[in-house]
Protein backbone atom coordinates (compact mmCIF):
# COMPACT_ATOMS: atom_id res chain seq x y z
CA UNK A 1 -13.29 35.79 36.56
CA UNK A 2 -16.24 35.11 34.93
CA UNK A 3 -17.57 31.36 33.95
CA UNK A 4 -19.61 32.59 31.33
CA UNK A 5 -16.30 34.17 29.19
CA UNK A 6 -14.20 31.33 29.92
CA UNK A 7 -12.58 28.49 28.13
CA UNK A 8 -10.78 25.65 28.77
CA UNK A 9 -8.96 24.45 25.98
CA UNK A 10 -7.32 20.60 26.67
CA UNK A 11 -4.77 20.13 24.39
CA UNK A 12 -3.92 16.81 23.27
CA UNK A 13 -4.97 14.38 25.40
CA UNK A 14 -4.93 11.19 22.96
CA UNK A 15 -4.10 7.96 23.63
CA UNK A 16 -0.60 8.01 21.93
CA UNK A 17 -0.01 10.18 24.69
CA UNK A 18 -2.55 9.62 27.77
CA UNK A 19 -2.60 5.59 27.61
CA UNK A 20 -0.45 2.34 27.29
CA UNK A 21 0.33 1.52 23.81
CA UNK A 22 0.46 4.95 22.89
CA UNK A 23 3.36 5.78 21.08
CA UNK A 24 4.53 8.25 22.96
CA UNK A 25 2.74 7.03 26.59
CA UNK A 26 6.29 5.90 27.87
CA UNK A 27 8.17 9.19 27.13
CA UNK A 28 6.00 11.52 28.64
CA UNK A 29 4.43 9.02 31.82
CA UNK A 30 6.61 9.76 34.51
CA UNK A 31 5.61 13.37 34.19
CA UNK A 32 1.63 12.59 34.33
CA UNK A 33 2.59 10.44 37.18
CA UNK A 34 4.05 13.42 38.58
CA UNK A 35 1.31 15.93 38.31
CA UNK A 36 -1.55 13.78 38.04
CA UNK A 37 -2.30 15.30 35.20
CA UNK A 38 -5.41 13.19 33.27
CA UNK A 39 -7.48 13.41 37.14
CA UNK A 40 -6.08 17.48 37.53
CA UNK A 41 -7.95 17.62 33.64
CA UNK A 42 -11.04 15.46 33.90
CA UNK A 43 -12.14 17.28 37.39
CA UNK A 44 -11.26 20.68 35.55
CA UNK A 45 -13.26 20.32 32.44
CA UNK A 46 -16.29 19.05 34.77
CA UNK A 47 -15.95 22.48 36.72
CA UNK A 48 -16.02 24.23 33.80
CA UNK A 49 -18.98 22.79 32.68
CA UNK A 50 -20.81 23.27 35.72
CA UNK A 51 -19.96 26.67 35.79
CA UNK A 52 -20.94 27.73 32.61
CA UNK A 53 -17.71 28.16 30.68
CA UNK A 54 -16.63 26.11 27.56
CA UNK A 55 -14.20 22.89 26.84
CA UNK A 56 -12.08 23.06 23.70
CA UNK A 57 -10.39 19.77 22.81
CA UNK A 58 -7.82 20.33 20.51
CA UNK A 59 -6.37 16.91 18.95
CA UNK A 60 -3.91 17.05 16.84
CA UNK A 61 -3.91 14.01 13.39
CA UNK A 62 -2.39 13.75 10.73
CA UNK A 63 -4.05 11.50 7.26
CA UNK A 64 -2.15 8.55 6.51
CA UNK A 65 1.57 8.89 5.18
CA UNK A 66 1.71 12.47 6.85
CA UNK A 67 1.23 13.96 3.78
CA UNK A 68 0.44 17.16 5.43
CA UNK A 69 3.96 17.45 6.24
CA UNK A 70 7.06 17.78 4.33
CA UNK A 71 9.49 15.06 2.82
CA UNK A 72 11.94 15.47 5.68
CA UNK A 73 10.49 16.85 9.29
CA UNK A 74 12.75 17.65 11.61
CA UNK A 75 12.68 18.64 14.85
CA UNK A 76 9.14 17.31 17.45
CA UNK A 77 7.45 16.53 14.13
CA UNK A 78 10.06 13.95 13.18
CA UNK A 79 9.15 12.37 15.99
CA UNK A 80 5.31 11.98 15.40
CA UNK A 81 6.41 10.59 12.03
CA UNK A 82 8.83 8.18 13.25
CA UNK A 83 6.86 6.96 16.09
CA UNK A 84 3.80 6.61 13.40
CA UNK A 85 1.96 8.99 16.04
CA UNK A 86 -1.76 10.45 15.72
CA UNK A 87 -2.26 9.33 12.43
CA UNK A 88 -6.42 10.00 11.61
CA UNK A 89 -8.79 7.07 12.64
CA UNK A 90 -6.31 5.24 14.56
CA UNK A 91 -6.82 4.34 18.40
CA UNK A 92 -3.52 6.51 19.39
CA UNK A 93 -5.32 9.60 17.38
CA UNK A 94 -8.65 9.51 19.52
CA UNK A 95 -9.52 11.47 22.70
CA UNK A 96 -8.93 9.61 26.12
CA UNK A 97 -11.82 8.04 27.37
CA UNK A 98 -11.89 10.04 30.65
CA UNK A 99 -11.85 13.28 28.81
CA UNK A 100 -14.98 12.13 25.77
CA UNK A 101 -16.41 15.59 25.04
CA UNK A 102 -19.63 16.12 25.98
CA UNK A 103 -21.91 16.75 23.47
CA UNK A 104 -22.11 20.96 24.45
CA UNK A 105 -17.97 20.76 23.88
CA UNK A 106 -16.07 21.91 21.07
CA UNK A 107 -13.43 19.95 19.25
CA UNK A 108 -11.30 21.55 16.94
CA UNK A 109 -10.24 19.92 13.41
CA UNK A 110 -7.47 20.81 11.32
CA UNK A 111 -4.35 21.29 14.33
CA UNK A 112 -1.50 20.09 12.34
CA UNK A 113 1.31 21.56 14.44
CA UNK A 114 2.43 23.22 17.90
CA UNK A 115 0.14 25.89 18.10
CA UNK A 116 -3.29 25.46 18.64
CA UNK A 117 -4.23 28.88 16.72
CA UNK A 118 -1.76 28.57 14.15
CA UNK A 119 -4.10 25.97 11.68
CA UNK A 120 -7.60 26.17 13.21
CA UNK A 121 -10.76 28.53 13.76
CA UNK A 122 -9.88 28.24 17.39
CA UNK A 123 -9.74 32.48 17.66
CA UNK A 124 -12.90 33.13 15.41
CA UNK A 125 -14.61 30.08 17.84
CA UNK A 126 -13.44 31.84 21.17
CA UNK A 127 -14.43 35.87 20.36
CA UNK A 128 -17.73 34.95 18.64
CA UNK A 129 -18.42 33.29 21.69
CA UNK A 130 -17.09 36.29 24.01
CA UNK A 131 -14.35 34.56 25.82
CA UNK A 132 -11.93 36.46 27.81
CA UNK A 133 -10.02 33.83 29.81
CA UNK A 134 -8.25 30.97 28.07
CA UNK A 135 -7.10 27.98 30.69
CA UNK A 136 -4.67 25.49 29.10
CA UNK A 137 -4.11 21.99 29.94
CA UNK A 138 -2.64 18.77 27.81
CA UNK A 139 0.70 17.65 26.06
CA UNK A 140 3.91 18.89 26.36
CA UNK A 141 4.32 21.45 28.85
CA UNK A 142 6.99 23.29 26.94
CA UNK A 143 6.13 22.78 23.53
CA UNK A 144 2.17 22.65 22.08
CA UNK A 145 0.60 24.22 25.00
CA UNK A 146 3.57 26.47 25.39
CA UNK A 147 3.27 27.31 21.89
CA UNK A 148 -0.75 27.87 22.58
CA UNK A 149 0.04 29.92 25.88
CA UNK A 150 2.15 32.28 23.88
CA UNK A 151 -0.20 32.72 20.78
CA UNK A 152 -2.87 33.38 23.35
CA UNK A 153 -1.41 36.05 24.79
CA UNK A 154 -0.12 37.85 21.67
CA UNK A 155 -4.27 37.95 20.88
CA UNK A 156 -5.14 39.50 24.38
CA UNK A 157 -6.83 36.87 26.20
CA UNK A 158 -6.23 36.55 29.79
CA UNK A 159 -4.68 33.23 30.04
CA UNK A 160 -4.21 30.55 32.96
CA UNK A 161 -1.91 27.58 32.61
CA UNK A 162 -2.45 24.56 34.96
CA UNK A 163 0.80 23.83 36.22
CA UNK A 164 -0.60 20.34 37.15
CA UNK A 165 -2.40 19.25 34.11
CA UNK A 166 0.41 19.37 32.07
CA UNK A 167 2.76 17.08 31.08
CA UNK A 168 6.39 16.99 29.30
CA UNK A 169 9.10 14.05 27.78
CA UNK A 170 10.95 14.91 31.13
CA UNK A 171 10.69 16.29 34.78
CA UNK A 172 13.64 18.95 33.68
CA UNK A 173 11.61 20.15 30.63
CA UNK A 174 8.19 20.36 32.48
CA UNK A 175 9.65 22.22 35.54
CA UNK A 176 11.85 24.65 33.35
CA UNK A 177 9.10 25.75 31.32
CA UNK A 178 6.31 26.47 34.60
CA UNK A 179 9.28 28.23 36.40
CA UNK A 180 11.02 30.64 33.99
CA UNK A 181 8.76 30.49 30.51
CA UNK A 182 4.83 30.25 31.63
CA UNK A 183 4.94 33.22 34.03
CA UNK A 184 5.75 35.85 31.29
CA UNK A 185 2.63 34.73 28.84
CA UNK A 186 0.38 33.49 31.49
CA UNK A 187 -0.90 33.90 35.21
CA UNK A 188 0.09 29.83 36.00
CA UNK A 189 -1.97 28.14 38.54
CA UNK A 190 -2.76 24.69 40.03
CA UNK A 191 -6.11 22.58 38.65
CA UNK A 192 -7.77 23.66 42.43
CA UNK A 193 -6.99 27.31 42.24
CA UNK A 194 -8.28 27.65 38.66
CA UNK A 195 -10.94 26.22 40.00
CA UNK A 196 -11.75 27.84 43.36
CA UNK A 197 -11.49 31.37 41.24
CA UNK A 198 -13.94 29.89 38.72
CA UNK A 199 -16.21 29.25 41.37
CA UNK A 200 -16.09 32.68 42.98
CA UNK A 201 -16.36 34.32 39.69
CA UNK A 202 -19.59 32.09 39.76
CA UNK A 203 -20.91 32.97 42.90
CA UNK A 204 -20.27 36.61 42.29
CA UNK A 205 -22.22 36.51 39.05
CA UNK A 206 -25.05 34.88 40.60
CA UNK A 207 -25.20 37.29 43.72
CA UNK A 208 -25.05 40.85 41.37
CA UNK A 209 -28.35 38.88 39.60
CA UNK A 210 -29.53 38.92 43.15
CA UNK A 211 -29.86 35.06 43.65
């Protein structure tokens, strides 16, 4: 794993999920506590920046009235609309303070669905920067993270899923995705295992340059 060709994609670390008072926080709070998702994501982002990789934020946002969606959404997007979540300009749609983007980070625009590749230019950004490996963290384990994982895999990226930096609305859904789905389309590992691999790659790169 080479840091210079590695990107960490942080999916929907927004107040509506992450913070008490967020519209969807109560639904994910239990698994958040179980995984330690916020602290682990912060450590990983710091490690990626320090090693020379890039950090990409993938928030989801909608105009007031959800004009981008069908008048009768169903499934997960119906839940978003019914709870009034991720409205552009609202506190709930803001990225949580502990993961406030650094100046060198990239914040994607246009994410309206589940897959971060589906309605953004993230593929163009990653390829233009020579990214080979993408590590995924965020919400939900079995929804937007999994959808993005599958697309990244299909596009030929080396995909890492950070098993202790994701969360879902139940332990069962979270555990099932990690056990059965993640190994099919990614290399699942903890954030600590990822950081060790990343730092090992940085040391190897320095050694090859004679540092």
